[in-house]
Amino acid sequence: MKIVVIDDHLIVREGLAALLMQAQPGTVIVHACDAAEGLAKAESESSLDAAFLDLNLSGASAMSAIREFTMRCPSLPVIILSSSE
């Protein structure tokens, strides 16, 4: 399994990566610190199985990022992460 984790906090990316690799040994994690980097990596990494996207990325609208992923990588499942209620 190969997943891109998009979050502006390194500790969150690393923590989620550790959990995913523990749950599914052999999982490859691609890190991105913002939506633009995540989208670029999603387009260049053709074998991705999913993207985990922080809903509250600093400097970006999550809704516009979701629209971009939908348009540019339509077959890639995007899983939204949020610490908001």
PDB file of N, CA and C in Angstrom:
ATOM      1  N   MET A   1       0.851  -1.164   0.000  1.00  0.00           N
ATOM      2  CA  MET A   1       0.000   0.000   0.000  1.00  0.00           C
ATOM      3  C   MET A   1       0.901   1.232   0.000  1.00  0.00           C
ATOM      4  N   LYS A   2       0.492   2.257  -0.759  1.00  0.00           N
ATOM      5  CA  LYS A   2       1.255   3.506  -0.849  1.00  0.00           C
ATOM      6  C   LYS A   2       0.290   4.674  -0.644  1.00  0.00           C
ATOM      7  N   ILE A   3       0.611   5.535   0.323  1.00  0.00           N
ATOM      8  CA  ILE A   3      -0.301   6.600   0.730  1.00  0.00           C
ATOM      9  C   ILE A   3       0.448   7.917   0.817  1.00  0.00           C
ATOM     10  N   VAL A   4      -0.202   9.001   0.391  1.00  0.00           N
ATOM     11  CA  VAL A   4       0.352  10.335   0.612  1.00  0.00           C
ATOM     12  C   VAL A   4      -0.375  10.959   1.800  1.00  0.00           C
ATOM     13  N   VAL A   5       0.406  11.499   2.747  1.00  0.00           N
ATOM     14  CA  VAL A   5      -0.133  12.160   3.934  1.00  0.00           C
ATOM     15  C   VAL A   5       0.174  13.649   3.791  1.00  0.00           C
ATOM     16  N   ILE A   6      -0.887  14.457   3.759  1.00  0.00           N
ATOM     17  CA  ILE A   6      -0.744  15.893   3.531  1.00  0.00           C
ATOM     18  C   ILE A   6      -1.195  16.632   4.783  1.00  0.00           C
ATOM     19  N   ASP A   7      -0.217  17.195   5.482  1.00  0.00           N
ATOM     20  CA  ASP A   7      -0.500  17.947   6.702  1.00  0.00           C
ATOM     21  C   ASP A   7       0.641  18.925   6.917  1.00  0.00           C
ATOM     22  N   ASP A   8       0.328  20.106   7.421  1.00  0.00           N
ATOM     23  CA  ASP A   8       1.364  21.116   7.632  1.00  0.00           C
ATOM     24  C   ASP A   8       2.130  20.924   8.933  1.00  0.00           C
ATOM     25  N   HIS A   9       1.789  19.929   9.706  1.00  0.00           N
ATOM     26  CA  HIS A   9       2.490  19.635  10.955  1.00  0.00           C
ATOM     27  C   HIS A   9       3.250  18.314  10.814  1.00  0.00           C
ATOM     28  N   LEU A  10       4.565  18.401  10.914  1.00  0.00           N
ATOM     29  CA  LEU A  10       5.420  17.223  10.763  1.00  0.00           C
ATOM     30  C   LEU A  10       5.055  16.130  11.763  1.00  0.00           C
ATOM     31  N   ILE A  11       4.780  16.503  12.995  1.00  0.00           N
ATOM     32  CA  ILE A  11       4.468  15.519  14.039  1.00  0.00           C
ATOM     33  C   ILE A  11       3.210  14.726  13.684  1.00  0.00           C
ATOM     34  N   VAL A  12       2.236  15.384  13.064  1.00  0.00           N
ATOM     35  CA  VAL A  12       1.010  14.697  12.646  1.00  0.00           C
ATOM     36  C   VAL A  12       1.317  13.733  11.503  1.00  0.00           C
ATOM     37  N   ARG A  13       2.082  14.214  10.518  1.00  0.00           N
ATOM     38  CA  ARG A  13       2.447  13.333   9.387  1.00  0.00           C
ATOM     39  C   ARG A  13       3.197  12.103   9.883  1.00  0.00           C
ATOM     40  N   GLU A  14       4.170  12.314  10.749  1.00  0.00           N
ATOM     41  CA  GLU A  14       4.963  11.188  11.239  1.00  0.00           C
ATOM     42  C   GLU A  14       4.140  10.246  12.112  1.00  0.00           C
ATOM     43  N   GLY A  15       3.259  10.804  12.938  1.00  0.00           N
ATOM     44  CA  GLY A  15       2.408   9.970  13.784  1.00  0.00           C
ATOM     45  C   GLY A  15       1.449   9.121  12.967  1.00  0.00           C
ATOM     46  N   LEU A  16       0.808   9.740  11.982  1.00  0.00           N
ATOM     47  CA  LEU A  16      -0.114   8.995  11.125  1.00  0.00           C
ATOM     48  C   LEU A  16       0.639   7.941  10.319  1.00  0.00           C
ATOM     49  N   ALA A  17       1.818   8.298   9.831  1.00  0.00           N
ATOM     50  CA  ALA A  17       2.632   7.327   9.090  1.00  0.00           C
ATOM     51  C   ALA A  17       2.958   6.122   9.963  1.00  0.00           C
ATOM     52  N   ALA A  18       3.328   6.365  11.216  1.00  0.00           N
ATOM     53  CA  ALA A  18       3.655   5.265  12.125  1.00  0.00           C
ATOM     54  C   ALA A  18       2.450   4.362  12.353  1.00  0.00           C
ATOM     55  N   LEU A  19       1.280   4.970  12.549  1.00  0.00           N
ATOM     56  CA  LEU A  19       0.062   4.175  12.754  1.00  0.00           C
ATOM     57  C   LEU A  19      -0.286   3.347  11.520  1.00  0.00           C
ATOM     58  N   LEU A  20      -0.188   3.964  10.352  1.00  0.00           N
ATOM     59  CA  LEU A  20      -0.518   3.253   9.110  1.00  0.00           C
ATOM     60  C   LEU A  20       0.453   2.102   8.859  1.00  0.00           C
ATOM     61  N   MET A  21       1.742   2.335   9.125  1.00  0.00           N
ATOM     62  CA  MET A  21       2.733   1.274   8.911  1.00  0.00           C
ATOM     63  C   MET A  21       2.590   0.158   9.937  1.00  0.00           C
ATOM     64  N   GLN A  22       2.145   0.501  11.144  1.00  0.00           N
ATOM     65  CA  GLN A  22       1.903  -0.521  12.160  1.00  0.00           C
ATOM     66  C   GLN A  22       0.689  -1.371  11.771  1.00  0.00           C
ATOM     67  N   ALA A  23      -0.344  -0.718  11.274  1.00  0.00           N
ATOM     68  CA  ALA A  23      -1.566  -1.427  10.890  1.00  0.00           C
ATOM     69  C   ALA A  23      -1.363  -2.281   9.640  1.00  0.00           C
ATOM     70  N   GLN A  24      -0.537  -1.797   8.730  1.00  0.00           N
ATOM     71  CA  GLN A  24      -0.297  -2.507   7.463  1.00  0.00           C
ATOM     72  C   GLN A  24       1.205  -2.486   7.182  1.00  0.00           C
ATOM     73  N   PRO A  25       1.943  -3.458   7.725  1.00  0.00           N
ATOM     74  CA  PRO A  25       3.390  -3.486   7.479  1.00  0.00           C
ATOM     75  C   PRO A  25       3.698  -3.449   5.975  1.00  0.00           C
ATOM     76  N   GLY A  26       4.736  -2.716   5.636  1.00  0.00           N
ATOM     77  CA  GLY A  26       5.111  -2.580   4.236  1.00  0.00           C
ATOM     78  C   GLY A  26       4.491  -1.372   3.556  1.00  0.00           C
ATOM     79  N   THR A  27       3.630  -0.657   4.272  1.00  0.00           N
ATOM     80  CA  THR A  27       3.019   0.545   3.705  1.00  0.00           C
ATOM     81  C   THR A  27       4.101   1.584   3.454  1.00  0.00           C
ATOM     82  N   VAL A  28       4.029   2.213   2.301  1.00  0.00           N
ATOM     83  CA  VAL A  28       4.952   3.286   1.935  1.00  0.00           C
ATOM     84  C   VAL A  28       4.203   4.600   2.110  1.00  0.00           C
ATOM     85  N   ILE A  29       4.819   5.522   2.833  1.00  0.00           N
ATOM     86  CA  ILE A  29       4.203   6.820   3.090  1.00  0.00           C
ATOM     87  C   ILE A  29       4.977   7.901   2.348  1.00  0.00           C
ATOM     88  N   VAL A  30       4.241   8.707   1.601  1.00  0.00           N
ATOM     89  CA  VAL A  30       4.797   9.874   0.925  1.00  0.00           C
ATOM     90  C   VAL A  30       4.292  11.082   1.703  1.00  0.00           C
ATOM     91  N   HIS A  31       5.197  11.962   2.113  1.00  0.00           N
ATOM     92  CA  HIS A  31       4.838  13.125   2.926  1.00  0.00           C
ATOM     93  C   HIS A  31       4.714  14.376   2.071  1.00  0.00           C
ATOM     94  N   ALA A  32       3.745  15.242   2.429  1.00  0.00           N
ATOM     95  CA  ALA A  32       3.596  16.554   1.805  1.00  0.00           C
ATOM     96  C   ALA A  32       3.145  17.536   2.880  1.00  0.00           C
ATOM     97  N   CYS A  33       3.709  18.740   2.851  1.00  0.00           N
ATOM     98  CA  CYS A  33       3.400  19.712   3.901  1.00  0.00           C
ATOM     99  C   CYS A  33       2.293  20.681   3.515  1.00  0.00           C
ATOM    100  N   ASP A  34       1.842  20.647   2.260  1.00  0.00           N
ATOM    101  CA  ASP A  34       0.715  21.490   1.861  1.00  0.00           C
ATOM    102  C   ASP A  34      -0.015  20.847   0.683  1.00  0.00           C
ATOM    103  N   ALA A  35      -1.149  21.428   0.337  1.00  0.00           N
ATOM    104  CA  ALA A  35      -1.997  20.836  -0.704  1.00  0.00           C
ATOM    105  C   ALA A  35      -1.304  20.805  -2.057  1.00  0.00           C
ATOM    106  N   ALA A  36      -0.581  21.872  -2.395  1.00  0.00           N
ATOM    107  CA  ALA A  36       0.100  21.919  -3.694  1.00  0.00           C
ATOM    108  C   ALA A  36       1.149  20.817  -3.808  1.00  0.00           C
ATOM    109  N   GLU A  37       1.937  20.633  -2.757  1.00  0.00           N
ATOM    110  CA  GLU A  37       2.948  19.571  -2.764  1.00  0.00           C
ATOM    111  C   GLU A  37       2.282  18.197  -2.801  1.00  0.00           C
ATOM    112  N   GLY A  38       1.203  18.036  -2.052  1.00  0.00           N
ATOM    113  CA  GLY A  38       0.486  16.770  -2.046  1.00  0.00           C
ATOM    114  C   GLY A  38      -0.091  16.427  -3.400  1.00  0.00           C
ATOM    115  N   LEU A  39      -0.651  17.406  -4.056  1.00  0.00           N
ATOM    116  CA  LEU A  39      -1.215  17.187  -5.383  1.00  0.00           C
ATOM    117  C   LEU A  39      -0.117  16.850  -6.391  1.00  0.00           C
ATOM    118  N   ALA A  40       0.999  17.558  -6.313  1.00  0.00           N
ATOM    119  CA  ALA A  40       2.127  17.268  -7.211  1.00  0.00           C
ATOM    120  C   ALA A  40       2.625  15.845  -7.006  1.00  0.00           C
ATOM    121  N   LYS A  41       2.723  15.430  -5.751  1.00  0.00           N
ATOM    122  CA  LYS A  41       3.184  14.066  -5.473  1.00  0.00           C
ATOM    123  C   LYS A  41       2.148  13.042  -5.905  1.00  0.00           C
ATOM    124  N   ALA A  42       0.875  13.358  -5.737  1.00  0.00           N
ATOM    125  CA  ALA A  42      -0.179  12.437  -6.172  1.00  0.00           C
ATOM    126  C   ALA A  42      -0.138  12.244  -7.685  1.00  0.00           C
ATOM    127  N   GLU A  43       0.153  13.307  -8.405  1.00  0.00           N
ATOM    128  CA  GLU A  43       0.229  13.204  -9.866  1.00  0.00           C
ATOM    129  C   GLU A  43       1.488  12.472 -10.323  1.00  0.00           C
ATOM    130  N   SER A  44       2.580  12.607  -9.571  1.00  0.00           N
ATOM    131  CA  SER A  44       3.835  11.969  -9.991  1.00  0.00           C
ATOM    132  C   SER A  44       3.976  10.538  -9.487  1.00  0.00           C
ATOM    133  N   GLU A  45       3.252  10.189  -8.436  1.00  0.00           N
ATOM    134  CA  GLU A  45       3.301   8.838  -7.859  1.00  0.00           C
ATOM    135  C   GLU A  45       2.072   8.070  -8.338  1.00  0.00           C
ATOM    136  N   SER A  46       2.172   7.449  -9.469  1.00  0.00           N
ATOM    137  CA  SER A  46       0.998   6.824 -10.087  1.00  0.00           C
ATOM    138  C   SER A  46       0.444   5.634  -9.301  1.00  0.00           C
ATOM    139  N   SER A  47       1.223   5.094  -8.397  1.00  0.00           N
ATOM    140  CA  SER A  47       0.775   3.886  -7.697  1.00  0.00           C
ATOM    141  C   SER A  47       0.179   4.183  -6.314  1.00  0.00           C
ATOM    142  N   LEU A  48      -0.230   5.408  -6.044  1.00  0.00           N
ATOM    143  CA  LEU A  48      -0.821   5.726  -4.746  1.00  0.00           C
ATOM    144  C   LEU A  48      -2.179   5.056  -4.578  1.00  0.00           C
ATOM    145  N   ASP A  49      -2.444   4.599  -3.365  1.00  0.00           N
ATOM    146  CA  ASP A  49      -3.722   3.974  -3.053  1.00  0.00           C
ATOM    147  C   ASP A  49      -4.700   4.937  -2.400  1.00  0.00           C
ATOM    148  N   ALA A  50      -4.182   5.985  -1.727  1.00  0.00           N
ATOM    149  CA  ALA A  50      -5.053   6.948  -1.050  1.00  0.00           C
ATOM    150  C   ALA A  50      -4.253   8.179  -0.655  1.00  0.00           C
ATOM    151  N   ALA A  51      -4.995   9.249  -0.369  1.00  0.00           N
ATOM    152  CA  ALA A  51      -4.404  10.480   0.154  1.00  0.00           C
ATOM    153  C   ALA A  51      -5.120  10.831   1.445  1.00  0.00           C
ATOM    154  N   PHE A  52      -4.355  11.153   2.476  1.00  0.00           N
ATOM    155  CA  PHE A  52      -4.903  11.668   3.726  1.00  0.00           C
ATOM    156  C   PHE A  52      -4.644  13.167   3.717  1.00  0.00           C
ATOM    157  N   LEU A  53      -5.702  13.970   3.776  1.00  0.00           N
ATOM    158  CA  LEU A  53      -5.606  15.422   3.645  1.00  0.00           C
ATOM    159  C   LEU A  53      -6.137  16.109   4.890  1.00  0.00           C
ATOM    160  N   ASP A  54      -5.308  16.963   5.484  1.00  0.00           N
ATOM    161  CA  ASP A  54      -5.711  17.750   6.642  1.00  0.00           C
ATOM    162  C   ASP A  54      -6.764  18.770   6.212  1.00  0.00           C
ATOM    163  N   LEU A  55      -7.869  18.829   6.925  1.00  0.00           N
ATOM    164  CA  LEU A  55      -8.940  19.765   6.600  1.00  0.00           C
ATOM    165  C   LEU A  55      -8.538  21.204   6.879  1.00  0.00           C
ATOM    166  N   ASN A  56      -7.632  21.412   7.822  1.00  0.00           N
ATOM    167  CA  ASN A  56      -7.249  22.768   8.223  1.00  0.00           C
ATOM    168  C   ASN A  56      -5.797  23.075   7.898  1.00  0.00           C
ATOM    169  N   LEU A  57      -5.418  22.922   6.642  1.00  0.00           N
ATOM    170  CA  LEU A  57      -4.063  23.279   6.234  1.00  0.00           C
ATOM    171  C   LEU A  57      -3.895  24.788   6.306  1.00  0.00           C
ATOM    172  N   SER A  58      -2.784  25.244   6.855  1.00  0.00           N
ATOM    173  CA  SER A  58      -2.555  26.682   6.903  1.00  0.00           C
ATOM    174  C   SER A  58      -2.293  27.196   5.488  1.00  0.00           C
ATOM    175  N   GLY A  59      -2.913  28.329   5.187  1.00  0.00           N
ATOM    176  CA  GLY A  59      -2.709  28.961   3.893  1.00  0.00           C
ATOM    177  C   GLY A  59      -3.435  28.317   2.725  1.00  0.00           C
ATOM    178  N   ALA A  60      -4.368  27.426   2.995  1.00  0.00           N
ATOM    179  CA  ALA A  60      -5.069  26.760   1.886  1.00  0.00           C
ATOM    180  C   ALA A  60      -6.494  26.430   2.302  1.00  0.00           C
ATOM    181  N   SER A  61      -7.356  26.403   1.324  1.00  0.00           N
ATOM    182  CA  SER A  61      -8.726  25.982   1.544  1.00  0.00           C
ATOM    183  C   SER A  61      -8.826  24.492   1.258  1.00  0.00           C
ATOM    184  N   ALA A  62      -9.251  23.745   2.247  1.00  0.00           N
ATOM    185  CA  ALA A  62      -9.384  22.299   2.065  1.00  0.00           C
ATOM    186  C   ALA A  62     -10.392  21.977   0.966  1.00  0.00           C
ATOM    187  N   MET A  63     -11.448  22.757   0.891  1.00  0.00           N
ATOM    188  CA  MET A  63     -12.464  22.484  -0.137  1.00  0.00           C
ATOM    189  C   MET A  63     -11.881  22.670  -1.543  1.00  0.00           C
ATOM    190  N   SER A  64     -11.064  23.698  -1.743  1.00  0.00           N
ATOM    191  CA  SER A  64     -10.457  23.870  -3.063  1.00  0.00           C
ATOM    192  C   SER A  64      -9.443  22.761  -3.331  1.00  0.00           C
ATOM    193  N   ALA A  65      -8.741  22.314  -2.294  1.00  0.00           N
ATOM    194  CA  ALA A  65      -7.799  21.203  -2.463  1.00  0.00           C
ATOM    195  C   ALA A  65      -8.539  19.924  -2.835  1.00  0.00           C
ATOM    196  N   ILE A  66      -9.668  19.680  -2.202  1.00  0.00           N
ATOM    197  CA  ILE A  66     -10.469  18.487  -2.528  1.00  0.00           C
ATOM    198  C   ILE A  66     -10.934  18.556  -3.982  1.00  0.00           C
ATOM    199  N   ARG A  67     -11.396  19.725  -4.409  1.00  0.00           N
ATOM    200  CA  ARG A  67     -11.818  19.888  -5.815  1.00  0.00           C
ATOM    201  C   ARG A  67     -10.662  19.610  -6.774  1.00  0.00           C
ATOM    202  N   GLU A  68      -9.464  20.116  -6.443  1.00  0.00           N
ATOM    203  CA  GLU A  68      -8.291  19.886  -7.303  1.00  0.00           C
ATOM    204  C   GLU A  68      -7.959  18.401  -7.381  1.00  0.00           C
ATOM    205  N   PHE A  69      -7.971  17.721  -6.247  1.00  0.00           N
ATOM    206  CA  PHE A  69      -7.707  16.278  -6.258  1.00  0.00           C
ATOM    207  C   PHE A  69      -8.746  15.554  -7.105  1.00  0.00           C
ATOM    208  N   THR A  70     -10.007  15.938  -6.968  1.00  0.00           N
ATOM    209  CA  THR A  70     -11.081  15.297  -7.722  1.00  0.00           C
ATOM    210  C   THR A  70     -10.895  15.486  -9.224  1.00  0.00           C
ATOM    211  N   MET A  71     -10.487  16.684  -9.617  1.00  0.00           N
ATOM    212  CA  MET A  71     -10.310  16.966 -11.044  1.00  0.00           C
ATOM    213  C   MET A  71      -9.041  16.331 -11.607  1.00  0.00           C
ATOM    214  N   ARG A  72      -7.947  16.409 -10.857  1.00  0.00           N
ATOM    215  CA  ARG A  72      -6.655  15.994 -11.398  1.00  0.00           C
ATOM    216  C   ARG A  72      -6.273  14.554 -11.096  1.00  0.00           C
ATOM    217  N   CYS A  73      -6.839  13.981 -10.054  1.00  0.00           N
ATOM    218  CA  CYS A  73      -6.565  12.581  -9.678  1.00  0.00           C
ATOM    219  C   CYS A  73      -7.891  11.912  -9.321  1.00  0.00           C
ATOM    220  N   PRO A  74      -8.799  11.782 -10.279  1.00  0.00           N
ATOM    221  CA  PRO A  74     -10.160  11.339  -9.962  1.00  0.00           C
ATOM    222  C   PRO A  74     -10.267   9.935  -9.372  1.00  0.00           C
ATOM    223  N   SER A  75      -9.314   9.078  -9.609  1.00  0.00           N
ATOM    224  CA  SER A  75      -9.425   7.713  -9.082  1.00  0.00           C
ATOM    225  C   SER A  75      -8.757   7.558  -7.710  1.00  0.00           C
ATOM    226  N   LEU A  76      -8.146   8.617  -7.191  1.00  0.00           N
ATOM    227  CA  LEU A  76      -7.453   8.545  -5.904  1.00  0.00           C
ATOM    228  C   LEU A  76      -8.398   8.878  -4.769  1.00  0.00           C
ATOM    229  N   PRO A  77      -8.653   7.938  -3.858  1.00  0.00           N
ATOM    230  CA  PRO A  77      -9.499   8.246  -2.692  1.00  0.00           C
ATOM    231  C   PRO A  77      -8.801   9.283  -1.804  1.00  0.00           C
ATOM    232  N   VAL A  78      -9.550  10.300  -1.378  1.00  0.00           N
ATOM    233  CA  VAL A  78      -9.039  11.330  -0.488  1.00  0.00           C
ATOM    234  C   VAL A  78      -9.753  11.201   0.845  1.00  0.00           C
ATOM    235  N   ILE A  79      -8.980  10.993   1.889  1.00  0.00           N
ATOM    236  CA  ILE A  79      -9.507  10.823   3.243  1.00  0.00           C
ATOM    237  C   ILE A  79      -9.189  12.099   3.998  1.00  0.00           C
ATOM    238  N   ILE A  80     -10.221  12.734   4.533  1.00  0.00           N
ATOM    239  CA  ILE A  80     -10.069  14.013   5.209  1.00  0.00           C
ATOM    240  C   ILE A  80      -9.770  13.801   6.688  1.00  0.00           C
ATOM    241  N   LEU A  81      -8.745  14.511   7.170  1.00  0.00           N
ATOM    242  CA  LEU A  81      -8.378  14.482   8.587  1.00  0.00           C
ATOM    243  C   LEU A  81      -8.769  15.817   9.203  1.00  0.00           C
ATOM    244  N   SER A  82      -9.273  15.789  10.421  1.00  0.00           N
ATOM    245  CA  SER A  82      -9.615  17.023  11.113  1.00  0.00           C
ATOM    246  C   SER A  82      -9.573  16.822  12.608  1.00  0.00           C
ATOM    247  N   SER A  83      -9.110  17.855  13.298  1.00  0.00           N
ATOM    248  CA  SER A  83      -9.184  17.836  14.754  1.00  0.00           C
ATOM    249  C   SER A  83     -10.350  18.706  15.218  1.00  0.00           C
ATOM    250  N   SER A  84     -11.102  19.249  14.266  1.00  0.00           N
ATOM    251  CA  SER A  84     -12.273  20.071  14.575  1.00  0.00           C
ATOM    252  C   SER A  84     -13.492  19.187  14.789  1.00  0.00           C
ATOM    253  N   GLU A  85     -14.384  19.663  15.623  1.00  0.00           N
ATOM    254  CA  GLU A  85     -15.618  18.906  15.838  1.00  0.00           C
ATOM    255  C   GLU A  85     -16.639  19.234  14.795  1.00  0.00           C
TER     256      GLU A  85
END
